[in-house]
């Protein structure tokens, strides 16, 4: 890297240990005189009260490290990558102005891409969006996904058929611009500021087992109770938070549509599928420096790269 990085990002599939690595790195940077703070890039951790199902670190688990862009949305609000791009870049600028190194941590693909890369989001057409959302209500997400596939097969292949919100947004962009949805995404990776990307992953089977245990632990910790407590705050009517993996299944369990085991099994399956989609996305970016989270020399390897890039 020719330019000294202005910030660091730690990315990869869910459950790969990004937060733990980031905290270790930040403490060791502090020992070298560099203050660093975390900027969250997990879209579901934006929401107040969505803690267990997002594996959000508690205050104690943050080990005294400041974490930004956690809990800044109410359950009833919609999260968008465009809004996050504005908020995230403002926070990066603020930290840099104070001499603090930003460390972006998360796995929400489009949100991270919006923060790291130089591209602008296509505009919105409120009337068209309203029509598409009504069509989604009337005909369902599978119908809308099939409609998208006819217009833009590549976009459809990157979106879960049941994710009506993402499908509607893709359709809106295609119909507004007359171009494929993918054309609005960063394909040529051009950083808006020099940065160093660290990626965590490991062998597929190990991650699969790890994610299954992670989901089971969420139920043990009381995810269903958390979801029940969020109902009065508008979880059920939210376009975004109610569709989050785990939360949707816990809601179905509360409604008697799924047994507890069915809810857990479905969440495991969807989480594992989501992890595959994350890796499919991140592998496209040649700038990411990949590390095996099972490697006993993980921390020393990452720190050697970071310290060299930062010249400390």
Protein backbone atom coordinates (compact mmCIF):
# COMPACT_ATOMS: atom_id res chain seq x y z
CA UNK A 1 0.00 0.00 0.00
CA UNK A 2 1.59 3.24 -1.10
CA UNK A 3 -0.52 5.55 1.09
CA UNK A 4 -0.53 5.20 4.85
CA UNK A 5 -4.02 3.99 5.84
CA UNK A 6 -6.35 6.49 7.45
CA UNK A 7 -8.41 3.73 8.99
CA UNK A 8 -8.61 -0.06 9.34
CA UNK A 9 -11.54 -2.37 8.70
CA UNK A 10 -12.09 -5.88 10.02
CA UNK A 11 -14.58 -7.78 7.83
CA UNK A 12 -15.73 -11.31 7.15
CA UNK A 13 -18.66 -13.65 7.70
CA UNK A 14 -20.78 -13.59 10.83
CA UNK A 15 -19.29 -15.53 13.73
CA UNK A 16 -15.68 -15.26 12.56
CA UNK A 17 -14.39 -13.36 15.60
CA UNK A 18 -14.13 -9.86 14.16
CA UNK A 19 -14.97 -8.01 17.37
CA UNK A 20 -12.53 -9.99 19.51
CA UNK A 21 -9.69 -9.42 17.06
CA UNK A 22 -10.47 -5.72 16.78
CA UNK A 23 -10.37 -5.27 20.56
CA UNK A 24 -7.03 -7.08 20.85
CA UNK A 25 -5.60 -4.99 18.02
CA UNK A 26 -6.84 -1.74 19.57
CA UNK A 27 -5.31 -2.54 22.97
CA UNK A 28 -1.98 -3.40 21.35
CA UNK A 29 -2.07 -0.22 19.25
CA UNK A 30 -2.61 1.73 22.48
CA UNK A 31 0.57 0.18 23.88
CA UNK A 32 2.36 1.74 20.90
CA UNK A 33 0.86 5.17 21.47
CA UNK A 34 -1.98 4.95 18.94
CA UNK A 35 -5.51 5.51 20.19
CA UNK A 36 -8.15 3.65 18.17
CA UNK A 37 -11.93 3.31 18.42
CA UNK A 38 -14.50 1.03 16.78
CA UNK A 39 -17.08 2.08 14.18
CA UNK A 40 -19.78 -0.57 13.93
CA UNK A 41 -20.64 -1.93 10.48
CA UNK A 42 -23.22 -4.54 11.47
CA UNK A 43 -26.57 -3.14 10.29
CA UNK A 44 -28.68 -4.99 12.87
CA UNK A 45 -26.54 -3.67 15.72
CA UNK A 46 -27.76 -0.18 14.82
CA UNK A 47 -31.00 -0.99 16.63
CA UNK A 48 -31.63 -0.25 20.29
CA UNK A 49 -32.68 -3.38 22.13
CA UNK A 50 -31.53 -5.84 19.48
CA UNK A 51 -28.68 -7.29 21.49
CA UNK A 52 -28.80 -11.06 21.91
CA UNK A 53 -29.71 -11.91 18.31
CA UNK A 54 -27.03 -9.61 16.89
CA UNK A 55 -24.26 -10.74 19.28
CA UNK A 56 -23.81 -7.10 20.27
CA UNK A 57 -21.02 -6.63 22.79
CA UNK A 58 -22.17 -5.48 26.22
CA UNK A 59 -20.58 -2.41 27.81
CA UNK A 60 -18.31 -4.71 29.83
CA UNK A 61 -17.36 -6.77 26.79
CA UNK A 62 -16.20 -3.63 24.98
CA UNK A 63 -13.23 -3.53 27.40
CA UNK A 64 -13.22 0.24 27.72
CA UNK A 65 -12.95 0.80 23.97
CA UNK A 66 -15.35 3.38 22.55
CA UNK A 67 -17.80 1.89 20.02
CA UNK A 68 -19.63 4.18 17.61
CA UNK A 69 -22.84 3.68 15.60
CA UNK A 70 -24.32 1.14 17.95
CA UNK A 71 -27.92 1.68 19.14
CA UNK A 72 -28.57 4.77 17.02
CA UNK A 73 -31.85 3.61 15.47
CA UNK A 74 -35.20 2.79 17.04
CA UNK A 75 -36.80 -0.54 16.16
CA UNK A 76 -39.41 1.19 14.00
CA UNK A 77 -36.84 2.99 11.82
CA UNK A 78 -35.46 1.73 8.50
CA UNK A 79 -31.73 1.30 8.04
CA UNK A 80 -30.20 2.13 4.67
CA UNK A 81 -26.67 1.88 3.37
CA UNK A 82 -26.99 5.41 1.96
CA UNK A 83 -27.72 6.85 5.39
CA UNK A 84 -24.96 4.78 6.95
CA UNK A 85 -22.49 6.08 4.39
CA UNK A 86 -23.16 9.65 5.55
CA UNK A 87 -23.08 8.78 9.26
CA UNK A 88 -20.05 6.51 8.99
CA UNK A 89 -17.91 8.92 7.00
CA UNK A 90 -18.78 11.78 9.35
CA UNK A 91 -17.66 9.61 12.26
CA UNK A 92 -14.42 8.67 10.49
CA UNK A 93 -13.70 12.35 9.86
CA UNK A 94 -14.47 13.20 13.48
CA UNK A 95 -12.15 10.52 14.86
CA UNK A 96 -9.33 11.49 12.50
CA UNK A 97 -9.71 15.14 13.52
CA UNK A 98 -9.12 14.04 17.13
CA UNK A 99 -6.09 11.94 16.23
CA UNK A 100 -7.97 8.68 16.75
CA UNK A 101 -7.60 5.73 14.37
CA UNK A 102 -11.01 4.43 13.23
CA UNK A 103 -11.41 0.64 13.16
CA UNK A 104 -14.50 -0.35 11.16
CA UNK A 105 -15.84 -3.72 12.32
CA UNK A 106 -18.71 -5.71 10.81
CA UNK A 107 -20.03 -7.94 8.08
CA UNK A 108 -22.91 -6.03 6.46
CA UNK A 109 -21.66 -6.12 2.90
CA UNK A 110 -23.31 -3.15 1.19
CA UNK A 111 -22.88 -0.97 4.27
CA UNK A 112 -19.14 -1.62 4.37
CA UNK A 113 -18.85 -1.09 0.61
CA UNK A 114 -20.69 2.21 0.90
CA UNK A 115 -18.32 3.38 3.61
CA UNK A 116 -15.06 2.29 1.98
CA UNK A 117 -15.61 3.03 -1.69
CA UNK A 118 -16.19 6.04 -3.90
CA UNK A 119 -19.69 5.68 -5.26
CA UNK A 120 -23.00 7.43 -4.95
CA UNK A 121 -26.34 5.78 -4.34
CA UNK A 122 -29.03 6.14 -7.01
CA UNK A 123 -31.88 8.44 -6.08
CA UNK A 124 -35.33 7.40 -4.92
CA UNK A 125 -38.75 7.67 -6.51
CA UNK A 126 -41.26 7.72 -3.66
CA UNK A 127 -44.28 6.99 -5.88
CA UNK A 128 -42.56 4.06 -7.56
CA UNK A 129 -41.34 2.77 -4.20
CA UNK A 130 -44.87 2.97 -2.76
CA UNK A 131 -46.26 1.03 -5.74
CA UNK A 132 -43.58 -1.66 -5.41
CA UNK A 133 -44.11 -1.98 -1.67
CA UNK A 134 -47.85 -2.38 -2.18
CA UNK A 135 -47.16 -5.02 -4.82
CA UNK A 136 -44.92 -6.77 -2.29
CA UNK A 137 -47.77 -6.80 0.23
CA UNK A 138 -50.27 -8.03 -2.34
CA UNK A 139 -48.18 -10.69 -4.09
CA UNK A 140 -45.34 -11.56 -1.71
CA UNK A 141 -41.53 -11.58 -1.82
CA UNK A 142 -41.15 -14.64 -4.06
CA UNK A 143 -43.24 -13.02 -6.81
CA UNK A 144 -41.20 -9.80 -6.54
CA UNK A 145 -37.94 -11.75 -6.64
CA UNK A 146 -39.08 -13.51 -9.82
CA UNK A 147 -39.99 -10.12 -11.29
CA UNK A 148 -36.49 -8.85 -10.50
CA UNK A 149 -34.91 -11.97 -12.00
CA UNK A 150 -36.58 -11.22 -15.34
CA UNK A 151 -35.12 -7.69 -15.35
CA UNK A 152 -31.76 -8.34 -13.69
CA UNK A 153 -30.79 -11.97 -13.11
CA UNK A 154 -27.46 -11.07 -11.49
CA UNK A 155 -29.11 -8.83 -8.91
CA UNK A 156 -31.67 -11.51 -8.13
CA UNK A 157 -28.91 -14.07 -7.58
CA UNK A 158 -27.38 -11.83 -4.88
CA UNK A 159 -30.61 -11.32 -2.92
CA UNK A 160 -32.43 -13.89 -0.81
CA UNK A 161 -35.85 -14.60 -2.39
CA UNK A 162 -37.58 -13.89 0.92
CA UNK A 163 -35.87 -10.52 1.37
CA UNK A 164 -38.69 -8.38 0.00
CA UNK A 165 -37.14 -5.11 1.14
CA UNK A 166 -33.88 -5.64 -0.74
CA UNK A 167 -35.77 -6.90 -3.78
CA UNK A 168 -37.98 -3.81 -3.86
CA UNK A 169 -34.96 -1.52 -3.63
CA UNK A 170 -33.24 -3.37 -6.48
CA UNK A 171 -36.36 -3.14 -8.61
CA UNK A 172 -36.64 0.56 -7.84
CA UNK A 173 -33.07 1.19 -8.99
CA UNK A 174 -33.46 -0.89 -12.15
CA UNK A 175 -36.69 0.89 -13.09
CA UNK A 176 -35.33 4.38 -12.29
CA UNK A 177 -31.95 4.03 -14.01
CA UNK A 178 -32.79 1.55 -16.74
CA UNK A 179 -29.56 -0.21 -15.81
CA UNK A 180 -28.83 -3.39 -13.85
CA UNK A 181 -28.83 -3.04 -10.08
CA UNK A 182 -25.23 -4.27 -10.03
CA UNK A 183 -24.24 -1.21 -12.06
CA UNK A 184 -25.10 0.91 -9.03
CA UNK A 185 -22.75 -1.06 -6.79
CA UNK A 186 -18.99 -0.61 -6.54
CA UNK A 187 -17.50 -3.10 -8.98
CA UNK A 188 -14.18 -1.37 -9.48
CA UNK A 189 -12.91 -1.06 -5.91
CA UNK A 190 -11.71 2.50 -5.42
CA UNK A 191 -11.23 3.58 -1.81
CA UNK A 192 -12.57 6.96 -0.79
CA UNK A 193 -9.71 7.19 1.75
CA UNK A 194 -6.59 5.01 2.05
CA UNK A 195 -7.45 2.10 4.34
CA UNK A 196 -6.28 -1.36 5.31
CA UNK A 197 -8.77 -4.22 5.19
CA UNK A 198 -8.40 -7.30 7.36
CA UNK A 199 -10.60 -10.31 6.52
CA UNK A 200 -11.35 -13.26 8.82
CA UNK A 201 -12.52 -16.66 7.64
CA UNK A 202 -11.69 -20.34 8.05
CA UNK A 203 -12.62 -23.75 6.70
CA UNK A 204 -16.30 -23.94 5.83
CA UNK A 205 -17.19 -26.88 8.07
CA UNK A 206 -15.71 -25.24 11.16
CA UNK A 207 -17.69 -22.05 10.58
CA UNK A 208 -20.89 -24.05 10.01
CA UNK A 209 -20.51 -25.76 13.40
CA UNK A 210 -19.54 -22.51 15.08
CA UNK A 211 -22.62 -20.72 13.76
CA UNK A 212 -24.92 -23.53 14.90
CA UNK A 213 -23.58 -23.25 18.45
CA UNK A 214 -23.86 -19.46 18.28
CA UNK A 215 -27.55 -19.64 17.38
CA UNK A 216 -28.33 -22.21 20.09
CA UNK A 217 -26.61 -19.95 22.62
CA UNK A 218 -28.80 -17.01 21.56
CA UNK A 219 -31.90 -18.99 22.49
CA UNK A 220 -30.30 -20.02 25.79
CA UNK A 221 -29.55 -16.37 26.56
CA UNK A 222 -33.18 -15.39 26.02
CA UNK A 223 -33.64 -14.22 22.44
CA UNK A 224 -37.35 -15.03 22.51
CA UNK A 225 -37.79 -12.91 25.62
CA UNK A 226 -35.87 -10.08 23.97
CA UNK A 227 -38.14 -10.23 20.93
CA UNK A 228 -41.24 -10.31 23.14
CA UNK A 229 -40.04 -7.15 24.87
CA UNK A 230 -39.50 -5.40 21.53
CA UNK A 231 -43.06 -5.95 20.32
CA UNK A 232 -44.36 -2.90 22.17
CA UNK A 233 -41.64 -0.82 20.53
CA UNK A 234 -42.88 -1.68 17.03
CA UNK A 235 -40.81 -4.71 16.05
CA UNK A 236 -43.67 -6.46 14.29
CA UNK A 237 -44.41 -3.54 11.92
CA UNK A 238 -40.76 -2.73 11.15
CA UNK A 239 -39.63 -3.37 7.57
CA UNK A 240 -36.05 -3.98 8.64
CA UNK A 241 -35.66 -5.28 12.17
CA UNK A 242 -38.57 -7.73 12.07
CA UNK A 243 -36.96 -9.48 9.10
CA UNK A 244 -33.57 -9.91 10.79
CA UNK A 245 -32.37 -13.51 10.95
CA UNK A 246 -33.27 -14.93 14.35
CA UNK A 247 -35.73 -12.18 15.17
CA UNK A 248 -38.14 -13.26 12.46
CA UNK A 249 -37.94 -16.86 13.65
CA UNK A 250 -38.33 -15.94 17.34
CA UNK A 251 -41.37 -13.87 16.37
CA UNK A 252 -42.82 -16.86 14.53
CA UNK A 253 -42.21 -18.98 17.64
CA UNK A 254 -44.08 -16.46 19.79
CA UNK A 255 -46.94 -16.52 17.29
CA UNK A 256 -47.10 -20.33 17.43
CA UNK A 257 -46.08 -20.68 13.79
CA UNK A 258 -42.84 -22.49 14.67
CA UNK A 259 -41.80 -24.67 17.57
CA UNK A 260 -38.68 -23.64 19.45
CA UNK A 261 -36.59 -26.29 17.71
CA UNK A 262 -37.99 -25.33 14.30
CA UNK A 263 -37.15 -21.68 14.99
CA UNK A 264 -33.61 -22.59 16.03
CA UNK A 265 -33.06 -24.90 13.06
CA UNK A 266 -34.37 -22.33 10.58
CA UNK A 267 -32.18 -19.64 12.10
CA UNK A 268 -29.11 -21.87 11.87
CA UNK A 269 -29.84 -22.62 8.22
CA UNK A 270 -30.39 -18.95 7.32
CA UNK A 271 -27.32 -17.82 9.28
CA UNK A 272 -25.12 -20.34 7.49
CA UNK A 273 -26.57 -19.28 4.14
CA UNK A 274 -25.96 -15.63 5.01
CA UNK A 275 -22.32 -16.41 5.85
CA UNK A 276 -21.90 -17.98 2.39
CA UNK A 277 -23.32 -14.85 0.77
CA UNK A 278 -20.99 -12.67 2.82
CA UNK A 279 -17.95 -14.58 1.63
CA UNK A 280 -19.17 -14.52 -1.96
CA UNK A 281 -19.37 -10.74 -1.69
CA UNK A 282 -16.09 -10.14 0.16
CA UNK A 283 -14.08 -12.46 -2.10
CA UNK A 284 -14.71 -10.02 -4.96
CA UNK A 285 -12.57 -7.39 -3.23
CA UNK A 286 -8.86 -7.93 -3.98
CA UNK A 287 -7.82 -5.40 -1.32
CA UNK A 288 -8.82 -7.60 1.62
CA UNK A 289 -5.94 -9.31 3.47
CA UNK A 290 -7.33 -12.67 4.57
CA UNK A 291 -6.45 -14.50 7.79
CA UNK A 292 -7.63 -17.85 9.19
CA UNK A 293 -9.33 -17.18 12.51
CA UNK A 294 -8.26 -20.66 13.72
CA UNK A 295 -4.57 -19.95 13.17
CA UNK A 296 -2.70 -19.75 16.47
CA UNK A 297 -0.60 -16.93 15.01
CA UNK A 298 -3.64 -14.90 13.93
CA UNK A 299 -3.03 -11.90 16.19
CA UNK A 300 0.69 -11.65 15.52
CA UNK A 301 0.12 -11.98 11.78
CA UNK A 302 -2.54 -9.27 11.69
CA UNK A 303 -0.53 -6.95 13.90
CA UNK A 304 2.62 -7.36 11.81
CA UNK A 305 0.64 -6.21 8.76
CA UNK A 306 -1.09 -3.35 10.59
CA UNK A 307 2.02 -2.05 12.36
CA UNK A 308 3.97 -2.10 9.12
CA UNK A 309 1.22 -0.23 7.26
CA UNK A 310 0.95 2.36 10.03
CA UNK A 311 4.73 2.57 10.34
CA UNK A 312 4.77 2.02 14.11
